[in-house]
Amino acid sequence: MASASIGQVHRARLKDGEEVAVKIQRPGIGKIVEVDLEIMLHLATLAERHIEELTHHRPVKIVEEFARTIEKEMDYTLEATSMERVAKVLYPR
C-alpha cells in the first residue's frame, strides 16, 4: 500500500473479515537511524566549532531536534495511541 524509509504499510484482513492496515517497521532501522544521527551530530559539532557563519544557526540544536522527532516517529505505539484517541472522538460508543 505504501512504503517509506522506516517502514511499510500493508492491507490485511482480520479473522472476522474486517480490513485493516498493518504498519511494519523496517528490520534494523533503529540501529541505522542511531548511527546516522551520531554522524549528523558529529558533523554539526564540527560545523559549529569551525565555521563561524553557522554558529547562529545552531546546527547541533537542529540535529538534536531532528533526533527527537525521528525517535517519536519510529515509536509506533505513540501513533497507535493518537489513532485510538481520534477514533474515540469520531466513533464514540
PDB file of N, CA and C in Angstrom:
ATOM      1  N   MET A   1       0.819  -1.190   0.000  1.00  0.00           N
ATOM      2  CA  MET A   1       0.000   0.000   0.000  1.00  0.00           C
ATOM      3  C   MET A   1       0.862   1.253   0.000  1.00  0.00           C
ATOM      4  N   ALA A   2       1.854   1.279   0.894  1.00  0.00           N
ATOM      5  CA  ALA A   2       2.745   2.438   0.960  1.00  0.00           C
ATOM      6  C   ALA A   2       4.060   2.009   1.586  1.00  0.00           C
ATOM      7  N   SER A   3       5.108   2.742   1.257  1.00  0.00           N
ATOM      8  CA  SER A   3       6.386   2.463   1.904  1.00  0.00           C
ATOM      9  C   SER A   3       7.101   3.783   2.139  1.00  0.00           C
ATOM     10  N   ALA A   4       7.978   3.761   3.106  1.00  0.00           N
ATOM     11  CA  ALA A   4       8.780   4.931   3.444  1.00  0.00           C
ATOM     12  C   ALA A   4      10.141   4.442   3.894  1.00  0.00           C
ATOM     13  N   SER A   5      10.968   5.364   4.322  1.00  0.00           N
ATOM     14  CA  SER A   5      12.331   4.982   4.688  1.00  0.00           C
ATOM     15  C   SER A   5      12.385   4.107   5.930  1.00  0.00           C
ATOM     16  N   ILE A   6      11.414   4.251   6.840  1.00  0.00           N
ATOM     17  CA  ILE A   6      11.493   3.453   8.068  1.00  0.00           C
ATOM     18  C   ILE A   6      10.504   2.296   8.108  1.00  0.00           C
ATOM     19  N   GLY A   7       9.563   2.238   7.196  1.00  0.00           N
ATOM     20  CA  GLY A   7       8.590   1.148   7.257  1.00  0.00           C
ATOM     21  C   GLY A   7       7.705   1.055   6.038  1.00  0.00           C
ATOM     22  N   GLN A   8       6.734   0.164   6.147  1.00  0.00           N
ATOM     23  CA  GLN A   8       5.773  -0.059   5.071  1.00  0.00           C
ATOM     24  C   GLN A   8       4.389  -0.263   5.680  1.00  0.00           C
ATOM     25  N   VAL A   9       3.375   0.032   4.868  1.00  0.00           N
ATOM     26  CA  VAL A   9       2.000  -0.224   5.282  1.00  0.00           C
ATOM     27  C   VAL A   9       1.397  -1.220   4.303  1.00  0.00           C
ATOM     28  N   HIS A  10       0.766  -2.253   4.860  1.00  0.00           N
ATOM     29  CA  HIS A  10       0.148  -3.299   4.044  1.00  0.00           C
ATOM     30  C   HIS A  10      -1.325  -3.445   4.412  1.00  0.00           C
ATOM     31  N   ARG A  11      -2.119  -3.852   3.451  1.00  0.00           N
ATOM     32  CA  ARG A  11      -3.512  -4.196   3.731  1.00  0.00           C
ATOM     33  C   ARG A  11      -3.559  -5.594   4.311  1.00  0.00           C
ATOM     34  N   ALA A  12      -4.510  -5.783   5.230  1.00  0.00           N
ATOM     35  CA  ALA A  12      -4.681  -7.111   5.822  1.00  0.00           C
ATOM     36  C   ALA A  12      -6.150  -7.294   6.169  1.00  0.00           C
ATOM     37  N   ARG A  13      -6.509  -8.531   6.433  1.00  0.00           N
ATOM     38  CA  ARG A  13      -7.880  -8.855   6.814  1.00  0.00           C
ATOM     39  C   ARG A  13      -7.834  -9.665   8.109  1.00  0.00           C
ATOM     40  N   LEU A  14      -8.587  -9.194   9.103  1.00  0.00           N
ATOM     41  CA  LEU A  14      -8.664  -9.914  10.367  1.00  0.00           C
ATOM     42  C   LEU A  14      -9.498 -11.174  10.195  1.00  0.00           C
ATOM     43  N   LYS A  15      -9.460 -12.072  11.160  1.00  0.00           N
ATOM     44  CA  LYS A  15     -10.224 -13.317  11.086  1.00  0.00           C
ATOM     45  C   LYS A  15     -11.720 -13.067  10.947  1.00  0.00           C
ATOM     46  N   ASP A  16     -12.182 -11.942  11.516  1.00  0.00           N
ATOM     47  CA  ASP A  16     -13.617 -11.633  11.414  1.00  0.00           C
ATOM     48  C   ASP A  16     -13.981 -10.963  10.096  1.00  0.00           C
ATOM     49  N   GLY A  17     -13.008 -10.789   9.198  1.00  0.00           N
ATOM     50  CA  GLY A  17     -13.252 -10.219   7.885  1.00  0.00           C
ATOM     51  C   GLY A  17     -12.992  -8.724   7.783  1.00  0.00           C
ATOM     52  N   GLU A  18     -12.765  -8.054   8.908  1.00  0.00           N
ATOM     53  CA  GLU A  18     -12.516  -6.610   8.877  1.00  0.00           C
ATOM     54  C   GLU A  18     -11.196  -6.327   8.180  1.00  0.00           C
ATOM     55  N   GLU A  19     -11.220  -5.349   7.252  1.00  0.00           N
ATOM     56  CA  GLU A  19      -9.994  -4.935   6.577  1.00  0.00           C
ATOM     57  C   GLU A  19      -9.277  -3.904   7.429  1.00  0.00           C
ATOM     58  N   VAL A  20      -7.959  -4.067   7.533  1.00  0.00           N
ATOM     59  CA  VAL A  20      -7.142  -3.169   8.340  1.00  0.00           C
ATOM     60  C   VAL A  20      -5.852  -2.834   7.593  1.00  0.00           C
ATOM     61  N   ALA A  21      -5.171  -1.829   8.082  1.00  0.00           N
ATOM     62  CA  ALA A  21      -3.835  -1.500   7.582  1.00  0.00           C
ATOM     63  C   ALA A  21      -2.836  -1.916   8.652  1.00  0.00           C
ATOM     64  N   VAL A  22      -1.758  -2.548   8.228  1.00  0.00           N
ATOM     65  CA  VAL A  22      -0.718  -3.001   9.141  1.00  0.00           C
ATOM     66  C   VAL A  22       0.568  -2.255   8.796  1.00  0.00           C
ATOM     67  N   LYS A  23       1.099  -1.539   9.780  1.00  0.00           N
ATOM     68  CA  LYS A  23       2.326  -0.776   9.572  1.00  0.00           C
ATOM     69  C   LYS A  23       3.485  -1.570  10.163  1.00  0.00           C
ATOM     70  N   ILE A  24       4.487  -1.837   9.343  1.00  0.00           N
ATOM     71  CA  ILE A  24       5.630  -2.657   9.746  1.00  0.00           C
ATOM     72  C   ILE A  24       6.904  -1.839   9.632  1.00  0.00           C
ATOM     73  N   GLN A  25       7.689  -1.845  10.711  1.00  0.00           N
ATOM     74  CA  GLN A  25       8.943  -1.112  10.706  1.00  0.00           C
ATOM     75  C   GLN A  25      10.034  -1.944  10.037  1.00  0.00           C
ATOM     76  N   ARG A  26      10.830  -1.285   9.239  1.00  0.00           N
ATOM     77  CA  ARG A  26      11.920  -1.950   8.528  1.00  0.00           C
ATOM     78  C   ARG A  26      12.887  -2.587   9.528  1.00  0.00           C
ATOM     79  N   PRO A  27      13.237  -3.855   9.348  1.00  0.00           N
ATOM     80  CA  PRO A  27      14.166  -4.521  10.278  1.00  0.00           C
ATOM     81  C   PRO A  27      15.506  -3.792  10.335  1.00  0.00           C
ATOM     82  N   GLY A  28      15.991  -3.577  11.541  1.00  0.00           N
ATOM     83  CA  GLY A  28      17.300  -2.959  11.725  1.00  0.00           C
ATOM     84  C   GLY A  28      17.330  -1.454  11.571  1.00  0.00           C
ATOM     85  N   ILE A  29      16.179  -0.831  11.338  1.00  0.00           N
ATOM     86  CA  ILE A  29      16.162   0.608  11.071  1.00  0.00           C
ATOM     87  C   ILE A  29      16.597   1.412  12.295  1.00  0.00           C
ATOM     88  N   GLY A  30      16.325   0.910  13.489  1.00  0.00           N
ATOM     89  CA  GLY A  30      16.718   1.633  14.696  1.00  0.00           C
ATOM     90  C   GLY A  30      18.212   1.878  14.769  1.00  0.00           C
ATOM     91  N   LYS A  31      18.996   0.848  14.476  1.00  0.00           N
ATOM     92  CA  LYS A  31      20.452   0.975  14.503  1.00  0.00           C
ATOM     93  C   LYS A  31      20.947   1.894  13.389  1.00  0.00           C
ATOM     94  N   ILE A  32      20.338   1.792  12.222  1.00  0.00           N
ATOM     95  CA  ILE A  32      20.729   2.650  11.098  1.00  0.00           C
ATOM     96  C   ILE A  32      20.494   4.111  11.452  1.00  0.00           C
ATOM     97  N   VAL A  33      19.326   4.409  12.004  1.00  0.00           N
ATOM     98  CA  VAL A  33      18.998   5.783  12.382  1.00  0.00           C
ATOM     99  C   VAL A  33      19.943   6.265  13.479  1.00  0.00           C
ATOM    100  N   GLU A  34      20.237   5.398  14.447  1.00  0.00           N
ATOM    101  CA  GLU A  34      21.148   5.766  15.534  1.00  0.00           C
ATOM    102  C   GLU A  34      22.519   6.173  14.995  1.00  0.00           C
ATOM    103  N   VAL A  35      23.053   5.375  14.088  1.00  0.00           N
ATOM    104  CA  VAL A  35      24.365   5.676  13.505  1.00  0.00           C
ATOM    105  C   VAL A  35      24.294   6.963  12.684  1.00  0.00           C
ATOM    106  N   ASP A  36      23.251   7.117  11.888  1.00  0.00           N
ATOM    107  CA  ASP A  36      23.103   8.334  11.083  1.00  0.00           C
ATOM    108  C   ASP A  36      23.033   9.578  11.967  1.00  0.00           C
ATOM    109  N   LEU A  37      22.299   9.490  13.078  1.00  0.00           N
ATOM    110  CA  LEU A  37      22.189  10.631  13.992  1.00  0.00           C
ATOM    111  C   LEU A  37      23.538  10.956  14.638  1.00  0.00           C
ATOM    112  N   GLU A  38      24.304   9.929  14.971  1.00  0.00           N
ATOM    113  CA  GLU A  38      25.638  10.163  15.537  1.00  0.00           C
ATOM    114  C   GLU A  38      26.526  10.897  14.536  1.00  0.00           C
ATOM    115  N   ILE A  39      26.463  10.490  13.271  1.00  0.00           N
ATOM    116  CA  ILE A  39      27.255  11.144  12.221  1.00  0.00           C
ATOM    117  C   ILE A  39      26.806  12.588  12.057  1.00  0.00           C
ATOM    118  N   MET A  40      25.483  12.798  12.003  1.00  0.00           N
ATOM    119  CA  MET A  40      24.957  14.154  11.847  1.00  0.00           C
ATOM    120  C   MET A  40      25.374  15.047  13.015  1.00  0.00           C
ATOM    121  N   LEU A  41      25.310  14.521  14.234  1.00  0.00           N
ATOM    122  CA  LEU A  41      25.688  15.300  15.403  1.00  0.00           C
ATOM    123  C   LEU A  41      27.179  15.648  15.375  1.00  0.00           C
ATOM    124  N   HIS A  42      27.988  14.692  14.969  1.00  0.00           N
ATOM    125  CA  HIS A  42      29.437  14.939  14.865  1.00  0.00           C
ATOM    126  C   HIS A  42      29.715  16.047  13.842  1.00  0.00           C
ATOM    127  N   LEU A  43      29.086  15.955  12.683  1.00  0.00           N
ATOM    128  CA  LEU A  43      29.292  16.980  11.648  1.00  0.00           C
ATOM    129  C   LEU A  43      28.774  18.342  12.089  1.00  0.00           C
ATOM    130  N   ALA A  44      27.632  18.362  12.773  1.00  0.00           N
ATOM    131  CA  ALA A  44      27.084  19.624  13.273  1.00  0.00           C
ATOM    132  C   ALA A  44      28.011  20.251  14.301  1.00  0.00           C
ATOM    133  N   THR A  45      28.585  19.414  15.161  1.00  0.00           N
ATOM    134  CA  THR A  45      29.529  19.905  16.167  1.00  0.00           C
ATOM    135  C   THR A  45      30.755  20.514  15.494  1.00  0.00           C
ATOM    136  N   LEU A  46      31.284  19.827  14.512  1.00  0.00           N
ATOM    137  CA  LEU A  46      32.434  20.355  13.767  1.00  0.00           C
ATOM    138  C   LEU A  46      32.079  21.669  13.073  1.00  0.00           C
ATOM    139  N   ALA A  47      30.917  21.726  12.480  1.00  0.00           N
ATOM    140  CA  ALA A  47      30.486  22.933  11.781  1.00  0.00           C
ATOM    141  C   ALA A  47      30.403  24.117  12.745  1.00  0.00           C
ATOM    142  N   GLU A  48      29.818  23.890  13.919  1.00  0.00           N
ATOM    143  CA  GLU A  48      29.713  24.981  14.903  1.00  0.00           C
ATOM    144  C   GLU A  48      31.087  25.449  15.372  1.00  0.00           C
ATOM    145  N   ARG A  49      32.010  24.527  15.532  1.00  0.00           N
ATOM    146  CA  ARG A  49      33.351  24.878  16.016  1.00  0.00           C
ATOM    147  C   ARG A  49      34.189  25.608  14.984  1.00  0.00           C
ATOM    148  N   HIS A  50      34.046  25.222  13.718  1.00  0.00           N
ATOM    149  CA  HIS A  50      34.995  25.680  12.710  1.00  0.00           C
ATOM    150  C   HIS A  50      34.427  26.610  11.641  1.00  0.00           C
ATOM    151  N   ILE A  51      33.122  26.793  11.600  1.00  0.00           N
ATOM    152  CA  ILE A  51      32.537  27.685  10.592  1.00  0.00           C
ATOM    153  C   ILE A  51      31.724  28.748  11.333  1.00  0.00           C
ATOM    154  N   GLU A  52      32.361  29.861  11.562  1.00  0.00           N
ATOM    155  CA  GLU A  52      31.767  30.911  12.391  1.00  0.00           C
ATOM    156  C   GLU A  52      30.398  31.362  11.871  1.00  0.00           C
ATOM    157  N   GLU A  53      30.221  31.388  10.564  1.00  0.00           N
ATOM    158  CA  GLU A  53      28.967  31.844   9.979  1.00  0.00           C
ATOM    159  C   GLU A  53      27.780  30.943  10.349  1.00  0.00           C
ATOM    160  N   LEU A  54      28.045  29.699  10.717  1.00  0.00           N
ATOM    161  CA  LEU A  54      26.976  28.765  11.059  1.00  0.00           C
ATOM    162  C   LEU A  54      26.593  28.793  12.536  1.00  0.00           C
ATOM    163  N   THR A  55      27.408  29.434  13.350  1.00  0.00           N
ATOM    164  CA  THR A  55      27.185  29.406  14.793  1.00  0.00           C
ATOM    165  C   THR A  55      25.785  29.869  15.167  1.00  0.00           C
ATOM    166  N   HIS A  56      25.315  30.955  14.585  1.00  0.00           N
ATOM    167  CA  HIS A  56      23.985  31.471  14.965  1.00  0.00           C
ATOM    168  C   HIS A  56      22.845  30.583  14.461  1.00  0.00           C
ATOM    169  N   HIS A  57      23.112  29.669  13.531  1.00  0.00           N
ATOM    170  CA  HIS A  57      22.092  28.719  13.063  1.00  0.00           C
ATOM    171  C   HIS A  57      21.964  27.525  14.007  1.00  0.00           C
ATOM    172  N   ARG A  58      22.963  27.344  14.858  1.00  0.00           N
ATOM    173  CA  ARG A  58      22.964  26.292  15.886  1.00  0.00           C
ATOM    174  C   ARG A  58      22.722  24.888  15.304  1.00  0.00           C
ATOM    175  N   PRO A  59      23.619  24.418  14.444  1.00  0.00           N
ATOM    176  CA  PRO A  59      23.457  23.100  13.818  1.00  0.00           C
ATOM    177  C   PRO A  59      23.256  21.958  14.815  1.00  0.00           C
ATOM    178  N   VAL A  60      23.926  22.008  15.947  1.00  0.00           N
ATOM    179  CA  VAL A  60      23.780  20.929  16.937  1.00  0.00           C
ATOM    180  C   VAL A  60      22.337  20.885  17.435  1.00  0.00           C
ATOM    181  N   LYS A  61      21.754  22.038  17.725  1.00  0.00           N
ATOM    182  CA  LYS A  61      20.365  22.084  18.198  1.00  0.00           C
ATOM    183  C   LYS A  61      19.403  21.560  17.135  1.00  0.00           C
ATOM    184  N   ILE A  62      19.693  21.857  15.877  1.00  0.00           N
ATOM    185  CA  ILE A  62      18.856  21.367  14.779  1.00  0.00           C
ATOM    186  C   ILE A  62      18.893  19.841  14.739  1.00  0.00           C
ATOM    187  N   VAL A  63      20.077  19.265  14.833  1.00  0.00           N
ATOM    188  CA  VAL A  63      20.211  17.803  14.816  1.00  0.00           C
ATOM    189  C   VAL A  63      19.524  17.191  16.030  1.00  0.00           C
ATOM    190  N   GLU A  64      19.678  17.817  17.198  1.00  0.00           N
ATOM    191  CA  GLU A  64      19.029  17.293  18.403  1.00  0.00           C
ATOM    192  C   GLU A  64      17.503  17.296  18.255  1.00  0.00           C
ATOM    193  N   GLU A  65      16.968  18.351  17.677  1.00  0.00           N
ATOM    194  CA  GLU A  65      15.513  18.413  17.460  1.00  0.00           C
ATOM    195  C   GLU A  65      15.076  17.361  16.447  1.00  0.00           C
ATOM    196  N   PHE A  66      15.854  17.197  15.395  1.00  0.00           N
ATOM    197  CA  PHE A  66      15.545  16.166  14.401  1.00  0.00           C
ATOM    198  C   PHE A  66      15.566  14.783  15.047  1.00  0.00           C
ATOM    199  N   ALA A  67      16.545  14.536  15.921  1.00  0.00           N
ATOM    200  CA  ALA A  67      16.649  13.242  16.603  1.00  0.00           C
ATOM    201  C   ALA A  67      15.400  12.978  17.439  1.00  0.00           C
ATOM    202  N   ARG A  68      14.938  13.984  18.184  1.00  0.00           N
ATOM    203  CA  ARG A  68      13.716  13.809  18.986  1.00  0.00           C
ATOM    204  C   ARG A  68      12.520  13.495  18.089  1.00  0.00           C
ATOM    205  N   THR A  69      12.437  14.185  16.972  1.00  0.00           N
ATOM    206  CA  THR A  69      11.312  13.992  16.050  1.00  0.00           C
ATOM    207  C   THR A  69      11.332  12.597  15.434  1.00  0.00           C
ATOM    208  N   ILE A  70      12.472  12.156  14.939  1.00  0.00           N
ATOM    209  CA  ILE A  70      12.551  10.841  14.281  1.00  0.00           C
ATOM    210  C   ILE A  70      12.337   9.717  15.285  1.00  0.00           C
ATOM    211  N   GLU A  71      12.799   9.898  16.520  1.00  0.00           N
ATOM    212  CA  GLU A  71      12.578   8.871  17.536  1.00  0.00           C
ATOM    213  C   GLU A  71      11.089   8.726  17.847  1.00  0.00           C
ATOM    214  N   LYS A  72      10.367   9.837  17.892  1.00  0.00           N
ATOM    215  CA  LYS A  72       8.921   9.771  18.100  1.00  0.00           C
ATOM    216  C   LYS A  72       8.235   9.097  16.913  1.00  0.00           C
ATOM    217  N   GLU A  73       8.700   9.423  15.708  1.00  0.00           N
ATOM    218  CA  GLU A  73       8.110   8.832  14.503  1.00  0.00           C
ATOM    219  C   GLU A  73       8.334   7.325  14.458  1.00  0.00           C
ATOM    220  N   MET A  74       9.431   6.863  15.000  1.00  0.00           N
ATOM    221  CA  MET A  74       9.734   5.435  14.984  1.00  0.00           C
ATOM    222  C   MET A  74       9.001   4.667  16.085  1.00  0.00           C
ATOM    223  N   ASP A  75       8.423   5.383  17.036  1.00  0.00           N
ATOM    224  CA  ASP A  75       7.681   4.732  18.119  1.00  0.00           C
ATOM    225  C   ASP A  75       6.227   4.578  17.677  1.00  0.00           C
ATOM    226  N   TYR A  76       5.924   3.441  17.086  1.00  0.00           N
ATOM    227  CA  TYR A  76       4.582   3.216  16.548  1.00  0.00           C
ATOM    228  C   TYR A  76       3.518   3.175  17.647  1.00  0.00           C
ATOM    229  N   THR A  77       3.917   2.947  18.893  1.00  0.00           N
ATOM    230  CA  THR A  77       2.924   2.954  19.969  1.00  0.00           C
ATOM    231  C   THR A  77       2.362   4.351  20.183  1.00  0.00           C
ATOM    232  N   LEU A  78       3.174   5.388  19.976  1.00  0.00           N
ATOM    233  CA  LEU A  78       2.676   6.762  20.076  1.00  0.00           C
ATOM    234  C   LEU A  78       1.634   7.025  18.992  1.00  0.00           C
ATOM    235  N   GLU A  79       1.913   6.560  17.792  1.00  0.00           N
ATOM    236  CA  GLU A  79       0.979   6.724  16.681  1.00  0.00           C
ATOM    237  C   GLU A  79      -0.323   5.975  16.956  1.00  0.00           C
ATOM    238  N   ALA A  80      -0.208   4.771  17.489  1.00  0.00           N
ATOM    239  CA  ALA A  80      -1.402   3.976  17.792  1.00  0.00           C
ATOM    240  C   ALA A  80      -2.254   4.664  18.853  1.00  0.00           C
ATOM    241  N   THR A  81      -1.606   5.225  19.866  1.00  0.00           N
ATOM    242  CA  THR A  81      -2.333   5.936  20.912  1.00  0.00           C
ATOM    243  C   THR A  81      -3.084   7.129  20.332  1.00  0.00           C
ATOM    244  N   SER A  82      -2.441   7.867  19.457  1.00  0.00           N
ATOM    245  CA  SER A  82      -3.096   9.015  18.815  1.00  0.00           C
ATOM    246  C   SER A  82      -4.283   8.565  17.971  1.00  0.00           C
ATOM    247  N   MET A  83      -4.114   7.472  17.248  1.00  0.00           N
ATOM    248  CA  MET A  83      -5.200   6.963  16.412  1.00  0.00           C
ATOM    249  C   MET A  83      -6.381   6.519  17.272  1.00  0.00           C
ATOM    250  N   GLU A  84      -6.090   5.902  18.412  1.00  0.00           N
ATOM    251  CA  GLU A  84      -7.166   5.471  19.311  1.00  0.00           C
ATOM    252  C   GLU A  84      -7.928   6.670  19.856  1.00  0.00           C
ATOM    253  N   ARG A  85      -7.221   7.751  20.198  1.00  0.00           N
ATOM    254  CA  ARG A  85      -7.880   8.971  20.688  1.00  0.00           C
ATOM    255  C   ARG A  85      -8.800   9.560  19.624  1.00  0.00           C
ATOM    256  N   VAL A  86      -8.313   9.634  18.408  1.00  0.00           N
ATOM    257  CA  VAL A  86      -9.115  10.181  17.309  1.00  0.00           C
ATOM    258  C   VAL A  86     -10.342   9.300  17.077  1.00  0.00           C
ATOM    259  N   ALA A  87     -10.151   7.987  17.105  1.00  0.00           N
ATOM    260  CA  ALA A  87     -11.270   7.051  16.894  1.00  0.00           C
ATOM    261  C   ALA A  87     -12.339   7.242  17.980  1.00  0.00           C
ATOM    262  N   LYS A  88     -11.935   7.476  19.223  1.00  0.00           N
ATOM    263  CA  LYS A  88     -12.900   7.677  20.304  1.00  0.00           C
ATOM    264  C   LYS A  88     -13.737   8.930  20.084  1.00  0.00           C
ATOM    265  N   VAL A  89     -13.101   9.960  19.537  1.00  0.00           N
ATOM    266  CA  VAL A  89     -13.829  11.200  19.255  1.00  0.00           C
ATOM    267  C   VAL A  89     -14.762  11.022  18.063  1.00  0.00           C
ATOM    268  N   LEU A  90     -14.261  10.396  17.014  1.00  0.00           N
ATOM    269  CA  LEU A  90     -15.056  10.244  15.787  1.00  0.00           C
ATOM    270  C   LEU A  90     -16.127   9.167  15.902  1.00  0.00           C
ATOM    271  N   TYR A  91     -15.842   8.128  16.670  1.00  0.00           N
ATOM    272  CA  TYR A  91     -16.761   6.988  16.778  1.00  0.00           C
ATOM    273  C   TYR A  91     -17.034   6.644  18.238  1.00  0.00           C
ATOM    274  N   PRO A  92     -17.671   7.572  18.987  1.00  0.00           N
ATOM    275  CA  PRO A  92     -17.922   7.277  20.404  1.00  0.00           C
ATOM    276  C   PRO A  92     -18.874   6.091  20.553  1.00  0.00           C
ATOM    277  N   ARG A  93     -18.708   5.339  21.619  1.00  0.00           N
ATOM    278  CA  ARG A  93     -19.539   4.150  21.816  1.00  0.00           C
ATOM    279  C   ARG A  93     -20.698   4.455  22.702  1.00  0.00           C
TER     280      ARG A  93
END
